[in-house]
Amino acid sequence: VAGFTQEVALISFLYMVWRLARQLPLVHEEGAYDRGRWIWDVQRWLHLPSELSMERWLERHETLAHWTVTYYATVHVPSLLLFLLWLWVRHRDQYPRWRNALAITTGFCLFLRFIRVAPPRLLPELGFVDLPAELGRDIYGPLGTGASDQFAAMPSIHVAWAAIVCFGIFTSTRSRWRWIGPIHLALTFWAVMATANHWWLDGIVAVALVGLSLWIDDVVRAWAARRGPERDDARLSEGGRKRRAPA
C-alpha cells in the first residue's frame, strides 16, 4: 500500500507540474507562425500526408468530427492513468521503466515547448480552420485566455503519451489485447492531425523522444547495475583493511 501511495503521489506531482508549466507563457508567440509555415514546407518536401486534406475530409463527416474532437480532448490523460494502473497491478516489474520514460519524455516536451510553434489551426492562410471551435467545441479559447499554451505544438504531448501507452502495452504482454496500444496511438495521430491541432512532425518528434527517454533509462539502469557491485567491493575492501589494522 505504501508503494502504491508513493507512486500516486509522484504521478500526481508530475501531472500538476505539467498542468502549471504548459500555461506559461500564454501569449509569447515570437517566431511561432514562421516555424509553423516552415514545418508545413518541410512536410510537403518530405511528401508527408497532408493535415489539410485530413481536416477537409473530416469537416464533411460531422458525427465523426465530433467523435474525433472528443477523443482529442478527453482520452489522452485517462488512457495514460489506466495504463499505469494496469502495469502496477499486472506487470509491476515493467512499471518503473515506463514511469521513468513518462517522466523523462514529459520533461523533454515541457522544455521544447519554449521553441514556439503555431499549430495548423492558427494558420488560416494555408487553408486550415479551428475545427473544434467550428463545431462549438472550442477547447482552448481565444489566444492568451485558454487553459493551455497554444504555441507549444512541437512536440505533441498527446502523441508522446499515446506512444508510451502503445509501446508499454505491446512489450509487456503477449495477449491479443495488446493491439489496443497501437490502435490508440493510431487514433491519437488521427485526432491531433485531422483537427489541425498538430503537425505530423510534432507527432514524429514526440515518438522519437519516447525512444530517447527509454534509451536514457536503459543507460542509467546499466550504469547503476555496474556501480552496485563496485560499491559493495569497495565496502568489503575497506572493512578488510580496518580489521587488519593494528590496535
Protein backbone atom coordinates (compact mmCIF):
# COMPACT_ATOMS: atom_id res chain seq x y z
CA VAL A 1 0.00 0.00 0.00
CA ALA A 2 2.82 2.40 0.87
CA GLY A 3 4.46 1.84 -2.52
CA PHE A 4 1.21 2.44 -4.38
CA THR A 5 0.53 5.62 -2.40
CA GLN A 6 4.02 6.85 -3.17
CA GLU A 7 3.55 6.24 -6.89
CA VAL A 8 0.16 8.00 -6.88
CA ALA A 9 1.77 10.99 -5.19
CA LEU A 10 4.63 11.02 -7.70
CA ILE A 11 2.38 10.80 -10.77
CA SER A 12 0.06 13.45 -9.30
CA PHE A 13 3.03 15.75 -8.75
CA LEU A 14 4.28 15.25 -12.32
CA TYR A 15 0.80 15.92 -13.68
CA MET A 16 0.50 19.08 -11.59
CA VAL A 17 3.86 20.33 -12.84
CA TRP A 18 2.80 19.65 -16.42
CA ARG A 19 -0.51 21.45 -15.94
CA LEU A 20 1.17 24.50 -14.45
CA ALA A 21 4.11 24.66 -16.84
CA ARG A 22 2.06 24.39 -20.02
CA GLN A 23 0.19 27.59 -19.12
CA LEU A 24 3.36 29.71 -19.05
CA PRO A 25 3.85 31.74 -21.15
CA LEU A 26 0.39 32.02 -22.67
CA VAL A 27 0.82 34.78 -25.23
CA HIS A 28 4.51 34.83 -26.20
CA GLU A 29 4.50 33.98 -29.91
CA GLU A 30 7.87 35.10 -31.23
CA GLY A 31 8.70 33.10 -34.35
CA ALA A 32 5.79 30.68 -33.81
CA TYR A 33 3.98 31.39 -37.07
CA ASP A 34 7.17 31.33 -39.13
CA ARG A 35 8.14 27.97 -37.64
CA GLY A 36 4.68 26.62 -38.37
CA ARG A 37 4.97 27.66 -42.02
CA TRP A 38 8.48 26.21 -42.17
CA ILE A 39 7.21 22.86 -40.87
CA TRP A 40 4.45 22.96 -43.49
CA ASP A 41 7.05 23.47 -46.24
CA VAL A 42 9.33 20.73 -44.89
CA GLN A 43 6.46 18.25 -44.70
CA ARG A 44 5.48 18.97 -48.29
CA TRP A 45 9.09 18.46 -49.33
CA LEU A 46 9.10 15.12 -47.46
CA HIS A 47 5.75 14.20 -49.05
CA LEU A 48 4.15 13.53 -45.67
CA PRO A 49 0.35 13.17 -45.58
CA SER A 50 -1.47 16.49 -45.61
CA GLU A 51 -3.21 17.60 -42.40
CA LEU A 52 -5.26 19.95 -44.57
CA SER A 53 -6.69 17.09 -46.65
CA MET A 54 -7.47 15.16 -43.46
CA GLU A 55 -9.25 18.13 -41.90
CA ARG A 56 -11.27 18.92 -45.03
CA TRP A 57 -12.39 15.29 -45.26
CA LEU A 58 -13.36 15.27 -41.57
CA GLU A 59 -15.35 18.50 -41.99
CA ARG A 60 -17.67 16.66 -44.36
CA HIS A 61 -18.46 14.00 -41.74
CA GLU A 62 -19.86 15.91 -38.78
CA THR A 63 -20.60 12.97 -36.48
CA LEU A 64 -17.11 11.55 -36.93
CA ALA A 65 -15.70 15.04 -36.46
CA HIS A 66 -17.42 15.35 -33.07
CA TRP A 67 -16.09 11.96 -32.01
CA THR A 68 -12.59 12.88 -33.18
CA VAL A 69 -12.62 16.15 -31.23
CA THR A 70 -13.87 14.29 -28.15
CA TYR A 71 -11.05 11.75 -28.48
CA TYR A 72 -8.50 14.54 -28.78
CA ALA A 73 -9.82 16.47 -25.79
CA THR A 74 -10.58 13.70 -23.31
CA VAL A 75 -8.76 10.42 -23.89
CA HIS A 76 -5.03 11.16 -23.51
CA VAL A 77 -4.94 11.58 -19.71
CA PRO A 78 -7.38 8.78 -18.66
CA SER A 79 -5.73 6.30 -21.05
CA LEU A 80 -2.31 7.05 -19.58
CA LEU A 81 -3.53 6.67 -15.99
CA LEU A 82 -5.29 3.39 -16.80
CA PHE A 83 -2.11 2.13 -18.46
CA LEU A 84 -0.01 2.94 -15.39
CA LEU A 85 -2.55 1.29 -13.09
CA TRP A 86 -2.64 -1.80 -15.32
CA LEU A 87 1.15 -2.02 -15.24
CA TRP A 88 1.20 -1.69 -11.46
CA VAL A 89 -1.38 -4.43 -10.98
CA ARG A 90 -0.44 -6.89 -13.75
CA HIS A 91 3.17 -6.19 -14.75
CA ARG A 92 4.80 -4.43 -11.83
CA ASP A 93 8.29 -5.40 -12.95
CA GLN A 94 7.74 -3.27 -16.06
CA TYR A 95 6.23 -0.32 -14.21
CA PRO A 96 9.45 1.55 -13.21
CA ARG A 97 10.77 1.61 -16.77
CA TRP A 98 7.63 3.12 -18.25
CA ARG A 99 7.10 5.52 -15.35
CA ASN A 100 10.65 6.77 -15.86
CA ALA A 101 10.09 7.05 -19.61
CA LEU A 102 6.94 9.07 -18.94
CA ALA A 103 8.77 11.47 -16.62
CA ILE A 104 11.73 11.95 -18.98
CA THR A 105 9.56 12.35 -22.08
CA THR A 106 7.26 14.85 -20.40
CA GLY A 107 10.30 16.80 -19.23
CA PHE A 108 11.63 16.96 -22.80
CA CYS A 109 8.23 18.13 -24.06
CA LEU A 110 8.00 20.86 -21.44
CA PHE A 111 11.49 22.08 -22.31
CA LEU A 112 10.93 22.08 -26.08
CA ARG A 113 7.66 23.97 -25.74
CA PHE A 114 9.71 27.14 -25.33
CA ILE A 115 10.58 26.80 -29.02
CA ARG A 116 7.37 28.45 -30.16
CA VAL A 117 5.47 26.66 -32.94
CA ALA A 118 2.00 27.56 -34.18
CA PRO A 119 -0.35 24.64 -34.85
CA PRO A 120 -2.08 24.32 -38.24
CA ARG A 121 -5.39 25.71 -36.97
CA LEU A 122 -3.72 29.08 -36.30
CA LEU A 123 -2.57 29.38 -39.93
CA PRO A 124 -5.79 30.06 -41.88
CA GLU A 125 -3.81 31.40 -44.85
CA LEU A 126 -2.79 27.78 -45.53
CA GLY A 127 -6.45 26.75 -45.60
CA PHE A 128 -6.79 25.40 -42.06
CA VAL A 129 -9.67 26.12 -39.70
CA ASP A 130 -10.11 25.61 -35.97
CA LEU A 131 -12.35 22.58 -36.39
CA PRO A 132 -13.29 22.11 -32.70
CA ALA A 133 -14.32 25.77 -32.50
CA GLU A 134 -16.40 25.47 -35.67
CA LEU A 135 -18.19 22.51 -34.11
CA GLY A 136 -18.93 24.53 -30.97
CA ARG A 137 -16.22 22.68 -29.03
CA ASP A 138 -13.69 25.48 -28.57
CA ILE A 139 -11.10 23.67 -26.45
CA TYR A 140 -8.56 26.43 -25.92
CA GLY A 141 -10.48 29.69 -26.25
CA PRO A 142 -9.01 32.94 -27.61
CA LEU A 143 -5.24 33.25 -27.67
CA GLY A 144 -3.84 34.07 -24.25
CA THR A 145 -7.03 33.26 -22.36
CA GLY A 146 -7.36 29.47 -22.55
CA ALA A 147 -6.25 26.67 -20.27
CA SER A 148 -3.17 25.79 -22.30
CA ASP A 149 -0.30 27.28 -24.25
CA GLN A 150 -1.41 27.39 -27.88
CA PHE A 151 2.05 27.94 -29.37
CA ALA A 152 3.51 24.70 -27.98
CA ALA A 153 2.61 22.43 -30.89
CA MET A 154 6.09 20.88 -31.05
CA PRO A 155 6.23 18.16 -29.82
CA SER A 156 2.76 16.68 -29.32
CA ILE A 157 2.26 15.60 -25.71
CA HIS A 158 -0.86 13.71 -26.86
CA VAL A 159 1.22 11.58 -29.22
CA ALA A 160 4.08 11.20 -26.73
CA TRP A 161 1.80 9.80 -24.04
CA ALA A 162 -0.06 7.62 -26.55
CA ALA A 163 3.28 6.21 -27.73
CA ILE A 164 4.22 5.32 -24.15
CA VAL A 165 0.88 3.55 -23.73
CA CYS A 166 1.30 1.81 -27.09
CA PHE A 167 4.85 0.54 -26.64
CA GLY A 168 4.31 -0.21 -22.95
CA ILE A 169 1.29 -2.41 -23.56
CA PHE A 170 2.77 -4.10 -26.61
CA THR A 171 6.02 -5.07 -24.89
CA SER A 172 4.56 -6.01 -21.51
CA THR A 173 2.01 -8.63 -22.54
CA ARG A 174 1.53 -11.31 -25.18
CA SER A 175 -2.25 -11.10 -25.00
CA ARG A 176 -4.19 -10.34 -28.17
CA TRP A 177 -5.47 -7.28 -26.32
CA ARG A 178 -2.05 -5.70 -26.67
CA TRP A 179 -3.17 -4.36 -30.05
CA ILE A 180 -5.18 -1.81 -28.09
CA GLY A 181 -1.90 0.09 -27.74
CA PRO A 182 -1.13 0.55 -31.46
CA ILE A 183 -4.79 1.31 -32.16
CA HIS A 184 -4.75 4.03 -29.51
CA LEU A 185 -1.58 5.53 -30.98
CA ALA A 186 -3.04 5.49 -34.50
CA LEU A 187 -6.28 7.11 -33.32
CA THR A 188 -4.31 9.76 -31.44
CA PHE A 189 -2.27 10.59 -34.52
CA TRP A 190 -5.52 10.89 -36.45
CA ALA A 191 -7.19 13.04 -33.80
CA VAL A 192 -4.37 15.57 -33.44
CA MET A 193 -3.76 15.91 -37.20
CA ALA A 194 -7.32 15.88 -38.53
CA THR A 195 -8.40 18.55 -36.04
CA ALA A 196 -5.44 20.73 -37.12
CA ASN A 197 -4.03 20.85 -33.60
CA HIS A 198 -0.65 19.39 -34.58
CA TRP A 199 1.67 18.82 -37.49
CA TRP A 200 2.89 15.38 -38.49
CA LEU A 201 6.39 16.34 -37.39
CA ASP A 202 5.04 17.20 -33.93
CA GLY A 203 3.98 13.58 -33.56
CA ILE A 204 7.11 12.12 -35.15
CA VAL A 205 9.35 14.11 -32.81
CA ALA A 206 7.21 13.01 -29.85
CA VAL A 207 7.69 9.33 -30.72
CA ALA A 208 11.43 9.91 -31.15
CA LEU A 209 11.57 11.49 -27.70
CA VAL A 210 9.92 8.41 -26.20
CA GLY A 211 12.62 6.27 -27.81
CA LEU A 212 15.33 8.59 -26.49
CA SER A 213 13.81 8.51 -23.00
CA LEU A 214 13.77 4.71 -22.97
CA TRP A 215 17.40 4.67 -24.07
CA ILE A 216 18.35 7.10 -21.28
CA ASP A 217 16.56 4.92 -18.74
CA ASP A 218 18.38 1.82 -20.03
CA VAL A 219 21.76 3.58 -19.83
CA VAL A 220 21.14 4.81 -16.28
CA ARG A 221 19.97 1.36 -15.18
CA ALA A 222 23.04 -0.30 -16.71
CA TRP A 223 25.31 2.24 -15.02
CA ALA A 224 23.58 1.70 -11.67
CA ALA A 225 23.89 -2.08 -12.06
CA ARG A 226 27.64 -1.75 -12.63
CA ARG A 227 28.08 0.69 -9.78
CA GLY A 228 26.32 -1.57 -7.28
CA PRO A 229 28.96 -4.36 -7.23
CA GLU A 230 31.75 -1.76 -7.33
CA ARG A 231 30.39 -0.09 -4.19
CA ASP A 232 29.99 -3.47 -2.48
CA ASP A 233 33.60 -4.41 -3.35
CA ALA A 234 34.83 -1.05 -2.06
CA ARG A 235 32.99 -1.50 1.25
CA LEU A 236 34.35 -5.04 1.65
CA SER A 237 37.87 -3.86 0.89
CA GLU A 238 37.60 -1.01 3.37
CA GLY A 239 36.24 -3.36 6.02
CA GLY A 240 39.14 -5.76 5.46
CA ARG A 241 41.71 -3.01 5.87
CA LYS A 242 40.10 -1.89 9.13
CA ARG A 243 40.17 -5.45 10.52
CA ARG A 244 43.85 -5.85 9.62
CA ALA A 245 44.85 -2.50 11.09
CA PRO A 246 46.92 -2.81 14.33
CA ALA A 247 45.24 -1.85 17.58
